[in-house]
Structure formats: structure tokens, C-alpha cells
PDB file of N, CA and C in Angstrom:
ATOM      1  N   MET A   1      67.743   7.968 -12.533  1.00  0.00           N
ATOM      2  CA  MET A   1      66.498   7.311 -12.193  1.00  0.00           C
ATOM      3  C   MET A   1      66.480   5.951 -12.875  1.00  0.00           C
ATOM      4  N   SER A   2      66.146   4.938 -12.143  1.00  0.00           N
ATOM      5  CA  SER A   2      66.095   3.603 -12.724  1.00  0.00           C
ATOM      6  C   SER A   2      64.812   3.443 -13.537  1.00  0.00           C
ATOM      7  N   PRO A   3      64.817   2.540 -14.527  1.00  0.00           N
ATOM      8  CA  PRO A   3      63.635   2.349 -15.370  1.00  0.00           C
ATOM      9  C   PRO A   3      62.414   1.877 -14.577  1.00  0.00           C
ATOM     10  N   SER A   4      62.632   1.215 -13.443  1.00  0.00           N
ATOM     11  CA  SER A   4      61.502   0.717 -12.652  1.00  0.00           C
ATOM     12  C   SER A   4      60.918   1.787 -11.744  1.00  0.00           C
ATOM     13  N   GLN A   5      61.592   2.924 -11.625  1.00  0.00           N
ATOM     14  CA  GLN A   5      61.142   3.991 -10.750  1.00  0.00           C
ATOM     15  C   GLN A   5      60.265   4.965 -11.540  1.00  0.00           C
ATOM     16  N   PRO A   6      59.062   5.265 -11.029  1.00  0.00           N
ATOM     17  CA  PRO A   6      58.204   6.200 -11.764  1.00  0.00           C
ATOM     18  C   PRO A   6      58.835   7.592 -11.834  1.00  0.00           C
ATOM     19  N   PRO A   7      58.481   8.366 -12.857  1.00  0.00           N
ATOM     20  CA  PRO A   7      59.063   9.707 -12.987  1.00  0.00           C
ATOM     21  C   PRO A   7      58.664  10.605 -11.818  1.00  0.00           C
ATOM     22  N   ILE A   8      59.488  11.589 -11.585  1.00  0.00           N
ATOM     23  CA  ILE A   8      59.232  12.564 -10.527  1.00  0.00           C
ATOM     24  C   ILE A   8      58.084  13.466 -10.966  1.00  0.00           C
ATOM     25  N   VAL A   9      57.207  13.781 -10.035  1.00  0.00           N
ATOM     26  CA  VAL A   9      56.089  14.682 -10.276  1.00  0.00           C
ATOM     27  C   VAL A   9      56.495  16.069  -9.779  1.00  0.00           C
ATOM     28  N   GLU A  10      56.251  17.085 -10.572  1.00  0.00           N
ATOM     29  CA  GLU A  10      56.565  18.455 -10.174  1.00  0.00           C
ATOM     30  C   GLU A  10      55.455  19.005  -9.284  1.00  0.00           C
ATOM     31  N   TRP A  11      55.833  19.607  -8.158  1.00  0.00           N
ATOM     32  CA  TRP A  11      54.877  20.322  -7.316  1.00  0.00           C
ATOM     33  C   TRP A  11      54.367  21.505  -8.150  1.00  0.00           C
ATOM     34  N   PRO A  12      53.063  21.675  -8.283  1.00  0.00           N
ATOM     35  CA  PRO A  12      52.538  22.751  -9.133  1.00  0.00           C
ATOM     36  C   PRO A  12      52.966  24.140  -8.653  1.00  0.00           C
ATOM     37  N   ALA A  13      53.435  24.952  -9.587  1.00  0.00           N
ATOM     38  CA  ALA A  13      53.884  26.306  -9.248  1.00  0.00           C
ATOM     39  C   ALA A  13      52.770  27.113  -8.586  1.00  0.00           C
ATOM     40  N   GLU A  14      51.522  26.857  -8.976  1.00  0.00           N
ATOM     41  CA  GLU A  14      50.416  27.605  -8.377  1.00  0.00           C
ATOM     42  C   GLU A  14      50.169  27.224  -6.912  1.00  0.00           C
ATOM     43  N   PHE A  15      50.834  26.183  -6.435  1.00  0.00           N
ATOM     44  CA  PHE A  15      50.742  25.784  -5.024  1.00  0.00           C
ATOM     45  C   PHE A  15      51.948  26.261  -4.211  1.00  0.00           C
ATOM     46  N   ASN A  16      52.905  26.929  -4.847  1.00  0.00           N
ATOM     47  CA  ASN A  16      54.128  27.320  -4.136  1.00  0.00           C
ATOM     48  C   ASN A  16      53.849  28.179  -2.914  1.00  0.00           C
ATOM     49  N   HIS A  17      52.811  29.013  -2.964  1.00  0.00           N
ATOM     50  CA  HIS A  17      52.495  29.848  -1.802  1.00  0.00           C
ATOM     51  C   HIS A  17      52.132  28.994  -0.585  1.00  0.00           C
ATOM     52  N   LEU A  18      51.688  27.769  -0.817  1.00  0.00           N
ATOM     53  CA  LEU A  18      51.307  26.887   0.294  1.00  0.00           C
ATOM     54  C   LEU A  18      52.521  26.353   1.047  1.00  0.00           C
ATOM     55  N   ILE A  19      53.638  26.208   0.367  1.00  0.00           N
ATOM     56  CA  ILE A  19      54.825  25.649   1.027  1.00  0.00           C
ATOM     57  C   ILE A  19      55.831  26.717   1.423  1.00  0.00           C
ATOM     58  N   LYS A  20      55.465  27.978   1.206  1.00  0.00           N
ATOM     59  CA  LYS A  20      56.359  29.072   1.602  1.00  0.00           C
ATOM     60  C   LYS A  20      56.538  29.032   3.116  1.00  0.00           C
ATOM     61  N   GLY A  21      57.757  29.025   3.557  1.00  0.00           N
ATOM     62  CA  GLY A  21      58.037  28.973   4.989  1.00  0.00           C
ATOM     63  C   GLY A  21      58.100  27.566   5.563  1.00  0.00           C
ATOM     64  N   MET A  22      57.935  26.547   4.715  1.00  0.00           N
ATOM     65  CA  MET A  22      58.018  25.163   5.181  1.00  0.00           C
ATOM     66  C   MET A  22      59.440  24.884   5.654  1.00  0.00           C
ATOM     67  N   GLN A  23      59.578  24.344   6.846  1.00  0.00           N
ATOM     68  CA  GLN A  23      60.892  24.068   7.424  1.00  0.00           C
ATOM     69  C   GLN A  23      61.240  22.588   7.283  1.00  0.00           C
ATOM     70  N   VAL A  24      62.457  22.312   6.876  1.00  0.00           N
ATOM     71  CA  VAL A  24      62.946  20.934   6.776  1.00  0.00           C
ATOM     72  C   VAL A  24      63.527  20.548   8.125  1.00  0.00           C
ATOM     73  N   ALA A  25      63.165  19.360   8.584  1.00  0.00           N
ATOM     74  CA  ALA A  25      63.654  18.844   9.868  1.00  0.00           C
ATOM     75  C   ALA A  25      64.274  17.463   9.646  1.00  0.00           C
ATOM     76  N   HIS A  26      65.037  17.012  10.638  1.00  0.00           N
ATOM     77  CA  HIS A  26      65.666  15.693  10.586  1.00  0.00           C
ATOM     78  C   HIS A  26      65.004  14.802  11.624  1.00  0.00           C
ATOM     79  N   GLY A  27      64.609  13.591  11.193  1.00  0.00           N
ATOM     80  CA  GLY A  27      64.025  12.620  12.106  1.00  0.00           C
ATOM     81  C   GLY A  27      65.095  11.860  12.855  1.00  0.00           C
ATOM     82  N   LYS A  28      64.663  10.946  13.694  1.00  0.00           N
ATOM     83  CA  LYS A  28      65.595  10.141  14.497  1.00  0.00           C
ATOM     84  C   LYS A  28      66.565   9.349  13.626  1.00  0.00           C
ATOM     85  N   ASP A  29      66.083   8.877  12.495  1.00  0.00           N
ATOM     86  CA  ASP A  29      66.926   8.093  11.591  1.00  0.00           C
ATOM     87  C   ASP A  29      67.694   8.981  10.610  1.00  0.00           C
ATOM     88  N   ASP A  30      67.704  10.293  10.856  1.00  0.00           N
ATOM     89  CA  ASP A  30      68.386  11.306  10.051  1.00  0.00           C
ATOM     90  C   ASP A  30      67.757  11.501   8.675  1.00  0.00           C
ATOM     91  N   HIS A  31      66.563  10.946   8.445  1.00  0.00           N
ATOM     92  CA  HIS A  31      65.838  11.254   7.215  1.00  0.00           C
ATOM     93  C   HIS A  31      65.197  12.624   7.370  1.00  0.00           C
ATOM     94  N   ARG A  32      65.212  13.387   6.291  1.00  0.00           N
ATOM     95  CA  ARG A  32      64.648  14.727   6.340  1.00  0.00           C
ATOM     96  C   ARG A  32      63.161  14.692   5.975  1.00  0.00           C
ATOM     97  N   TYR A  33      62.399  15.578   6.592  1.00  0.00           N
ATOM     98  CA  TYR A  33      60.975  15.693   6.313  1.00  0.00           C
ATOM     99  C   TYR A  33      60.570  17.151   6.497  1.00  0.00           C
ATOM    100  N   CYS A  34      59.376  17.479   6.043  1.00  0.00           N
ATOM    101  CA  CYS A  34      58.857  18.827   6.257  1.00  0.00           C
ATOM    102  C   CYS A  34      57.343  18.769   6.304  1.00  0.00           C
ATOM    103  N   ARG A  35      56.771  19.784   6.939  1.00  0.00           N
ATOM    104  CA  ARG A  35      55.313  19.880   7.003  1.00  0.00           C
ATOM    105  C   ARG A  35      54.937  21.329   7.241  1.00  0.00           C
ATOM    106  N   ILE A  36      53.729  21.649   6.816  1.00  0.00           N
ATOM    107  CA  ILE A  36      53.188  22.983   7.045  1.00  0.00           C
ATOM    108  C   ILE A  36      51.670  22.867   7.097  1.00  0.00           C
ATOM    109  N   ASP A  37      51.062  23.653   7.964  1.00  0.00           N
ATOM    110  CA  ASP A  37      49.609  23.670   8.116  1.00  0.00           C
ATOM    111  C   ASP A  37      49.074  24.918   7.434  1.00  0.00           C
ATOM    112  N   VAL A  38      48.082  24.744   6.552  1.00  0.00           N
ATOM    113  CA  VAL A  38      47.551  25.863   5.778  1.00  0.00           C
ATOM    114  C   VAL A  38      46.032  25.835   5.754  1.00  0.00           C
ATOM    115  N   ASP A  39      45.437  27.026   5.699  1.00  0.00           N
ATOM    116  CA  ASP A  39      44.000  27.158   5.488  1.00  0.00           C
ATOM    117  C   ASP A  39      43.706  26.949   4.012  1.00  0.00           C
ATOM    118  N   VAL A  40      42.574  26.314   3.711  1.00  0.00           N
ATOM    119  CA  VAL A  40      42.196  26.048   2.326  1.00  0.00           C
ATOM    120  C   VAL A  40      40.718  26.366   2.114  1.00  0.00           C
ATOM    121  N   ASP A  41      40.417  26.785   0.885  1.00  0.00           N
ATOM    122  CA  ASP A  41      39.013  26.919   0.506  1.00  0.00           C
ATOM    123  C   ASP A  41      38.608  25.629  -0.215  1.00  0.00           C
ATOM    124  N   ARG A  42      37.349  25.516  -0.589  1.00  0.00           N
ATOM    125  CA  ARG A  42      36.852  24.267  -1.212  1.00  0.00           C
ATOM    126  C   ARG A  42      37.609  23.911  -2.495  1.00  0.00           C
ATOM    127  N   GLU A  43      37.824  24.895  -3.344  1.00  0.00           N
ATOM    128  CA  GLU A  43      38.483  24.634  -4.622  1.00  0.00           C
ATOM    129  C   GLU A  43      39.924  24.179  -4.421  1.00  0.00           C
ATOM    130  N   LEU A  44      40.652  24.855  -3.546  1.00  0.00           N
ATOM    131  CA  LEU A  44      42.035  24.478  -3.286  1.00  0.00           C
ATOM    132  C   LEU A  44      42.113  23.086  -2.660  1.00  0.00           C
ATOM    133  N   LEU A  45      41.213  22.777  -1.761  1.00  0.00           N
ATOM    134  CA  LEU A  45      41.195  21.446  -1.152  1.00  0.00           C
ATOM    135  C   LEU A  45      40.982  20.370  -2.214  1.00  0.00           C
ATOM    136  N   LEU A  46      40.079  20.617  -3.145  1.00  0.00           N
ATOM    137  CA  LEU A  46      39.848  19.672  -4.241  1.00  0.00           C
ATOM    138  C   LEU A  46      41.121  19.476  -5.056  1.00  0.00           C
ATOM    139  N   HIS A  47      41.777  20.580  -5.435  1.00  0.00           N
ATOM    140  CA  HIS A  47      42.991  20.479  -6.257  1.00  0.00           C
ATOM    141  C   HIS A  47      44.140  19.795  -5.505  1.00  0.00           C
ATOM    142  N   LEU A  48      44.264  20.063  -4.225  1.00  0.00           N
ATOM    143  CA  LEU A  48      45.298  19.385  -3.428  1.00  0.00           C
ATOM    144  C   LEU A  48      45.042  17.885  -3.360  1.00  0.00           C
ATOM    145  N   ASN A  49      43.780  17.499  -3.173  1.00  0.00           N
ATOM    146  CA  ASN A  49      43.448  16.073  -3.127  1.00  0.00           C
ATOM    147  C   ASN A  49      43.702  15.406  -4.470  1.00  0.00           C
ATOM    148  N   GLU A  50      43.387  16.084  -5.555  1.00  0.00           N
ATOM    149  CA  GLU A  50      43.661  15.527  -6.889  1.00  0.00           C
ATOM    150  C   GLU A  50      45.160  15.367  -7.107  1.00  0.00           C
ATOM    151  N   PHE A  51      45.941  16.362  -6.690  1.00  0.00           N
ATOM    152  CA  PHE A  51      47.391  16.258  -6.844  1.00  0.00           C
ATOM    153  C   PHE A  51      47.947  15.120  -5.992  1.00  0.00           C
ATOM    154  N   GLU A  52      47.480  15.030  -4.755  1.00  0.00           N
ATOM    155  CA  GLU A  52      47.951  13.959  -3.875  1.00  0.00           C
ATOM    156  C   GLU A  52      47.673  12.592  -4.497  1.00  0.00           C
ATOM    157  N   ALA A  53      46.497  12.405  -5.079  1.00  0.00           N
ATOM    158  CA  ALA A  53      46.167  11.128  -5.717  1.00  0.00           C
ATOM    159  C   ALA A  53      47.101  10.858  -6.898  1.00  0.00           C
ATOM    160  N   HIS A  54      47.392  11.880  -7.674  1.00  0.00           N
ATOM    161  CA  HIS A  54      48.291  11.749  -8.833  1.00  0.00           C
ATOM    162  C   HIS A  54      49.720  11.415  -8.393  1.00  0.00           C
ATOM    163  N   ALA A  55      50.139  11.986  -7.278  1.00  0.00           N
ATOM    164  CA  ALA A  55      51.526  11.832  -6.822  1.00  0.00           C
ATOM    165  C   ALA A  55      51.738  10.631  -5.903  1.00  0.00           C
ATOM    166  N   ARG A  56      50.680   9.929  -5.554  1.00  0.00           N
ATOM    167  CA  ARG A  56      50.795   8.839  -4.595  1.00  0.00           C
ATOM    168  C   ARG A  56      51.835   7.807  -5.032  1.00  0.00           C
ATOM    169  N   HIS A  57      52.714   7.443  -4.113  1.00  0.00           N
ATOM    170  CA  HIS A  57      53.790   6.459  -4.320  1.00  0.00           C
ATOM    171  C   HIS A  57      54.807   6.924  -5.366  1.00  0.00           C
ATOM    172  N   ARG A  58      54.868   8.234  -5.581  1.00  0.00           N
ATOM    173  CA  ARG A  58      55.853   8.802  -6.493  1.00  0.00           C
ATOM    174  C   ARG A  58      56.577   9.916  -5.761  1.00  0.00           C
ATOM    175  N   ARG A  59      57.741  10.251  -6.251  1.00  0.00           N
ATOM    176  CA  ARG A  59      58.485  11.354  -5.656  1.00  0.00           C
ATOM    177  C   ARG A  59      58.000  12.673  -6.248  1.00  0.00           C
ATOM    178  N   VAL A  60      58.039  13.709  -5.430  1.00  0.00           N
ATOM    179  CA  VAL A  60      57.590  15.038  -5.833  1.00  0.00           C
ATOM    180  C   VAL A  60      58.772  16.002  -5.733  1.00  0.00           C
ATOM    181  N   ARG A  61      58.964  16.817  -6.770  1.00  0.00           N
ATOM    182  CA  ARG A  61      60.032  17.814  -6.762  1.00  0.00           C
ATOM    183  C   ARG A  61      59.452  19.139  -6.283  1.00  0.00           C
ATOM    184  N   LEU A  62      60.035  19.662  -5.211  1.00  0.00           N
ATOM    185  CA  LEU A  62      59.647  20.946  -4.654  1.00  0.00           C
ATOM    186  C   LEU A  62      60.677  21.982  -5.046  1.00  0.00           C
ATOM    187  N   ARG A  63      60.202  23.135  -5.479  1.00  0.00           N
ATOM    188  CA  ARG A  63      61.095  24.239  -5.857  1.00  0.00           C
ATOM    189  C   ARG A  63      60.697  25.461  -5.035  1.00  0.00           C
ATOM    190  N   PRO A  64      61.046  25.474  -3.758  1.00  0.00           N
ATOM    191  CA  PRO A  64      60.654  26.615  -2.922  1.00  0.00           C
ATOM    192  C   PRO A  64      61.200  27.924  -3.477  1.00  0.00           C
ATOM    193  N   ALA A  65      60.339  28.929  -3.565  1.00  0.00           N
ATOM    194  CA  ALA A  65      60.718  30.211  -4.168  1.00  0.00           C
ATOM    195  C   ALA A  65      61.852  30.892  -3.407  1.00  0.00           C
ATOM    196  N   GLU A  66      61.859  30.770  -2.074  1.00  0.00           N
ATOM    197  CA  GLU A  66      62.868  31.465  -1.283  1.00  0.00           C
ATOM    198  C   GLU A  66      64.167  30.674  -1.150  1.00  0.00           C
ATOM    199  N   ASP A  67      64.242  29.509  -1.754  1.00  0.00           N
ATOM    200  CA  ASP A  67      65.410  28.646  -1.619  1.00  0.00           C
ATOM    201  C   ASP A  67      65.858  28.180  -3.002  1.00  0.00           C
ATOM    202  N   PRO A  68      67.117  28.395  -3.375  1.00  0.00           N
ATOM    203  CA  PRO A  68      67.580  27.962  -4.695  1.00  0.00           C
ATOM    204  C   PRO A  68      67.708  26.437  -4.800  1.00  0.00           C
ATOM    205  N   GLU A  69      67.698  25.753  -3.669  1.00  0.00           N
ATOM    206  CA  GLU A  69      67.841  24.298  -3.662  1.00  0.00           C
ATOM    207  C   GLU A  69      66.489  23.631  -3.896  1.00  0.00           C
ATOM    208  N   CYS A  70      66.456  22.688  -4.809  1.00  0.00           N
ATOM    209  CA  CYS A  70      65.253  21.879  -4.998  1.00  0.00           C
ATOM    210  C   CYS A  70      65.328  20.677  -4.074  1.00  0.00           C
ATOM    211  N   LEU A  71      64.172  20.166  -3.732  1.00  0.00           N
ATOM    212  CA  LEU A  71      64.069  18.976  -2.904  1.00  0.00           C
ATOM    213  C   LEU A  71      63.153  17.970  -3.580  1.00  0.00           C
ATOM    214  N   VAL A  72      63.421  16.697  -3.358  1.00  0.00           N
ATOM    215  CA  VAL A  72      62.564  15.628  -3.853  1.00  0.00           C
ATOM    216  C   VAL A  72      62.216  14.752  -2.669  1.00  0.00           C
ATOM    217  N   GLY A  73      60.932  14.429  -2.544  1.00  0.00           N
ATOM    218  CA  GLY A  73      60.480  13.548  -1.474  1.00  0.00           C
ATOM    219  C   GLY A  73      59.102  13.016  -1.790  1.00  0.00           C
ATOM    220  N   GLU A  74      58.622  12.127  -0.947  1.00  0.00           N
ATOM    221  CA  GLU A  74      57.278  11.586  -1.142  1.00  0.00           C
ATOM    222  C   GLU A  74      56.278  12.381  -0.325  1.00  0.00           C
ATOM    223  N   MET A  75      55.145  12.679  -0.957  1.00  0.00           N
ATOM    224  CA  MET A  75      54.091  13.425  -0.284  1.00  0.00           C
ATOM    225  C   MET A  75      53.303  12.471   0.595  1.00  0.00           C
ATOM    226  N   ASN A  76      53.063  12.882   1.818  1.00  0.00           N
ATOM    227  CA  ASN A  76      52.201  12.127   2.716  1.00  0.00           C
ATOM    228  C   ASN A  76      50.746  12.482   2.422  1.00  0.00           C
ATOM    229  N   PRO A  77      49.807  11.644   2.826  1.00  0.00           N
ATOM    230  CA  PRO A  77      48.389  12.005   2.650  1.00  0.00           C
ATOM    231  C   PRO A  77      48.083  13.310   3.387  1.00  0.00           C
ATOM    232  N   LEU A  78      47.189  14.102   2.804  1.00  0.00           N
ATOM    233  CA  LEU A  78      46.748  15.320   3.477  1.00  0.00           C
ATOM    234  C   LEU A  78      46.063  14.942   4.780  1.00  0.00           C
ATOM    235  N   VAL A  79      46.280  15.747   5.788  1.00  0.00           N
ATOM    236  CA  VAL A  79      45.639  15.514   7.086  1.00  0.00           C
ATOM    237  C   VAL A  79      44.754  16.721   7.373  1.00  0.00           C
ATOM    238  N   GLY A  80      43.473  16.462   7.602  1.00  0.00           N
ATOM    239  CA  GLY A  80      42.562  17.530   7.983  1.00  0.00           C
ATOM    240  C   GLY A  80      42.772  17.884   9.445  1.00  0.00           C
ATOM    241  N   LEU A  81      42.909  19.179   9.716  1.00  0.00           N
ATOM    242  CA  LEU A  81      43.188  19.628  11.078  1.00  0.00           C
ATOM    243  C   LEU A  81      42.019  20.389  11.696  1.00  0.00           C
ATOM    244  N   GLY A  82      40.890  20.422  11.009  1.00  0.00           N
ATOM    245  CA  GLY A  82      39.722  21.085  11.576  1.00  0.00           C
ATOM    246  C   GLY A  82      39.486  22.464  11.013  1.00  0.00           C
ATOM    247  N   ALA A  83      38.993  23.335  11.870  1.00  0.00           N
ATOM    248  CA  ALA A  83      38.567  24.665  11.456  1.00  0.00           C
ATOM    249  C   ALA A  83      39.735  25.515  10.973  1.00  0.00           C
ATOM    250  N   ALA A  84      39.448  26.359   9.995  1.00  0.00           N
ATOM    251  CA  ALA A  84      40.434  27.283   9.468  1.00  0.00           C
ATOM    252  C   ALA A  84      40.657  28.432  10.435  1.00  0.00           C
ATOM    253  N   SER A  85      41.818  29.051  10.333  1.00  0.00           N
ATOM    254  CA  SER A  85      42.106  30.238  11.137  1.00  0.00           C
ATOM    255  C   SER A  85      41.215  31.398  10.713  1.00  0.00           C
ATOM    256  N   ASP A  86      40.841  31.418   9.441  1.00  0.00           N
ATOM    257  CA  ASP A  86      39.989  32.459   8.868  1.00  0.00           C
ATOM    258  C   ASP A  86      38.756  31.789   8.259  1.00  0.00           C
ATOM    259  N   PRO A  87      37.747  31.413   9.077  1.00  0.00           N
ATOM    260  CA  PRO A  87      36.598  30.659   8.580  1.00  0.00           C
ATOM    261  C   PRO A  87      35.707  31.420   7.598  1.00  0.00           C
ATOM    262  N   ASP A  88      35.864  32.726   7.497  1.00  0.00           N
ATOM    263  CA  ASP A  88      35.071  33.490   6.529  1.00  0.00           C
ATOM    264  C   ASP A  88      35.534  33.249   5.097  1.00  0.00           C
ATOM    265  N   ARG A  89      36.808  32.913   4.910  1.00  0.00           N
ATOM    266  CA  ARG A  89      37.367  32.714   3.570  1.00  0.00           C
ATOM    267  C   ARG A  89      37.783  31.273   3.291  1.00  0.00           C
ATOM    268  N   HIS A  90      37.865  30.430   4.319  1.00  0.00           N
ATOM    269  CA  HIS A  90      38.376  29.069   4.147  1.00  0.00           C
ATOM    270  C   HIS A  90      37.453  28.058   4.822  1.00  0.00           C
ATOM    271  N   VAL A  91      37.484  26.826   4.313  1.00  0.00           N
ATOM    272  CA  VAL A  91      36.630  25.780   4.880  1.00  0.00           C
ATOM    273  C   VAL A  91      37.343  24.935   5.923  1.00  0.00           C
ATOM    274  N   GLY A  92      38.656  25.007   5.982  1.00  0.00           N
ATOM    275  CA  GLY A  92      39.382  24.195   6.950  1.00  0.00           C
ATOM    276  C   GLY A  92      40.872  24.393   6.859  1.00  0.00           C
ATOM    277  N   LYS A  93      41.565  23.634   7.701  1.00  0.00           N
ATOM    278  CA  LYS A  93      43.032  23.670   7.751  1.00  0.00           C
ATOM    279  C   LYS A  93      43.519  22.254   7.469  1.00  0.00           C
ATOM    280  N   VAL A  94      44.555  22.149   6.632  1.00  0.00           N
ATOM    281  CA  VAL A  94      45.154  20.850   6.327  1.00  0.00           C
ATOM    282  C   VAL A  94      46.657  20.913   6.549  1.00  0.00           C
ATOM    283  N   ARG A  95      47.236  19.754   6.770  1.00  0.00           N
ATOM    284  CA  ARG A  95      48.693  19.633   6.862  1.00  0.00           C
ATOM    285  C   ARG A  95      49.209  19.041   5.557  1.00  0.00           C
ATOM    286  N   ILE A  96      50.158  19.739   4.959  1.00  0.00           N
ATOM    287  CA  ILE A  96      50.861  19.243   3.779  1.00  0.00           C
ATOM    288  C   ILE A  96      52.234  18.816   4.264  1.00  0.00           C
ATOM    289  N   SER A  97      52.622  17.579   3.955  1.00  0.00           N
ATOM    290  CA  SER A  97      53.914  17.105   4.446  1.00  0.00           C
ATOM    291  C   SER A  97      54.565  16.157   3.450  1.00  0.00           C
ATOM    292  N   PHE A  98      55.888  16.076   3.572  1.00  0.00           N
ATOM    293  CA  PHE A  98      56.698  15.230   2.702  1.00  0.00           C
ATOM    294  C   PHE A  98      57.729  14.503   3.564  1.00  0.00           C
ATOM    295  N   HIS A  99      58.084  13.279   3.167  1.00  0.00           N
ATOM    296  CA  HIS A  99      59.117  12.535   3.893  1.00  0.00           C
ATOM    297  C   HIS A  99      60.211  12.091   2.922  1.00  0.00           C
ATOM    298  N   ASP A 100      61.321  11.638   3.502  1.00  0.00           N
ATOM    299  CA  ASP A 100      62.491  11.187   2.729  1.00  0.00           C
ATOM    300  C   ASP A 100      62.959  12.256   1.747  1.00  0.00           C
ATOM    301  N   LEU A 101      63.068  13.490   2.218  1.00  0.00           N
ATOM    302  CA  LEU A 101      63.522  14.579   1.366  1.00  0.00           C
ATOM    303  C   LEU A 101      65.001  14.450   1.058  1.00  0.00           C
ATOM    304  N   GLN A 102      65.337  14.728  -0.201  1.00  0.00           N
ATOM    305  CA  GLN A 102      66.718  14.711  -0.657  1.00  0.00           C
ATOM    306  C   GLN A 102      66.953  15.927  -1.525  1.00  0.00           C
ATOM    307  N   LYS A 103      68.183  16.400  -1.562  1.00  0.00           N
ATOM    308  CA  LYS A 103      68.534  17.498  -2.453  1.00  0.00           C
ATOM    309  C   LYS A 103      68.382  17.017  -3.889  1.00  0.00           C
ATOM    310  N   ASP A 104      68.043  17.970  -4.766  1.00  0.00           N
ATOM    311  CA  ASP A 104      67.830  17.649  -6.161  1.00  0.00           C
ATOM    312  C   ASP A 104      68.477  18.721  -7.018  1.00  0.00           C
ATOM    313  N   ASP A 105      68.835  18.376  -8.231  1.00  0.00           N
ATOM    314  CA  ASP A 105      69.507  19.334  -9.120  1.00  0.00           C
ATOM    315  C   ASP A 105      68.545  20.256  -9.860  1.00  0.00           C
ATOM    316  N   CYS A 106      67.257  20.118  -9.619  1.00  0.00           N
ATOM    317  CA  CYS A 106      66.218  20.967 -10.212  1.00  0.00           C
ATOM    318  C   CYS A 106      66.070  20.764 -11.717  1.00  0.00           C
ATOM    319  N   VAL A 107      66.617  19.699 -12.247  1.00  0.00           N
ATOM    320  CA  VAL A 107      66.530  19.433 -13.666  1.00  0.00           C
ATOM    321  C   VAL A 107      65.546  18.290 -13.893  1.00  0.00           C
ATOM    322  N   SER A 108      64.585  18.515 -14.781  1.00  0.00           N
ATOM    323  CA  SER A 108      63.638  17.452 -15.134  1.00  0.00           C
ATOM    324  C   SER A 108      64.343  16.475 -16.049  1.00  0.00           C
ATOM    325  N   HIS A 109      64.197  15.196 -15.759  1.00  0.00           N
ATOM    326  CA  HIS A 109      64.868  14.155 -16.577  1.00  0.00           C
ATOM    327  C   HIS A 109      63.891  13.527 -17.511  1.00  0.00           C
TER     328      HIS A 109
END
């Protein structure tokens, strides 16, 4: 990491259930990205927005539980998708997404 590059932000372990099943895809320019749509309650939405603000313009390290490979990429702004699939327990659905994903050694520097 160069001195001018901000440190990598770790995706919070308590959010790992949100990215479970997230699929990595390749764009036209062969850059990798991923996204997943999840239902959220008020508290989780607040915490996701706070994390997004903290991680803005910084790289985020993802450690998917089902995959031994870590990934690093930039988090895109949360996108509200409207009503939740389960409106009795959640206030809405959001899209969590990352772009410019790269393999990472899973070691904090």
C-alpha cells in the first residue's frame, strides 16, 4: 500500500450474513464487481449507512465465510430498492455492492 493510499477498511464481521451468497461478476472491462439485495430493519440500515460513510473513497476488505479468499474493493453507495420481502420484520430492501474487486491475502497491514 502506498503512503498516499488510505488504509483498507474491514467489512464488519457482524455484517457477514448480509454478503453471504454474494456472487462476483466480471464487467465489460473485465473489472470484477458484486452486489446483493437484502432486507433491513431500522437499526441495520443506520449501521450500514454509518459504515458506508466511514468507508467512502476507501477500499473495503471482504472475508466471505463460505470462501477462503478475501476480496478488496470499493463500496458503492447503498441503493434503496423499496419494500422489504418481509415487511413485518424489515423496513425496506437495499442493494449492497462493491466495484473493482481484487483478490487479497487477508492480512491486515
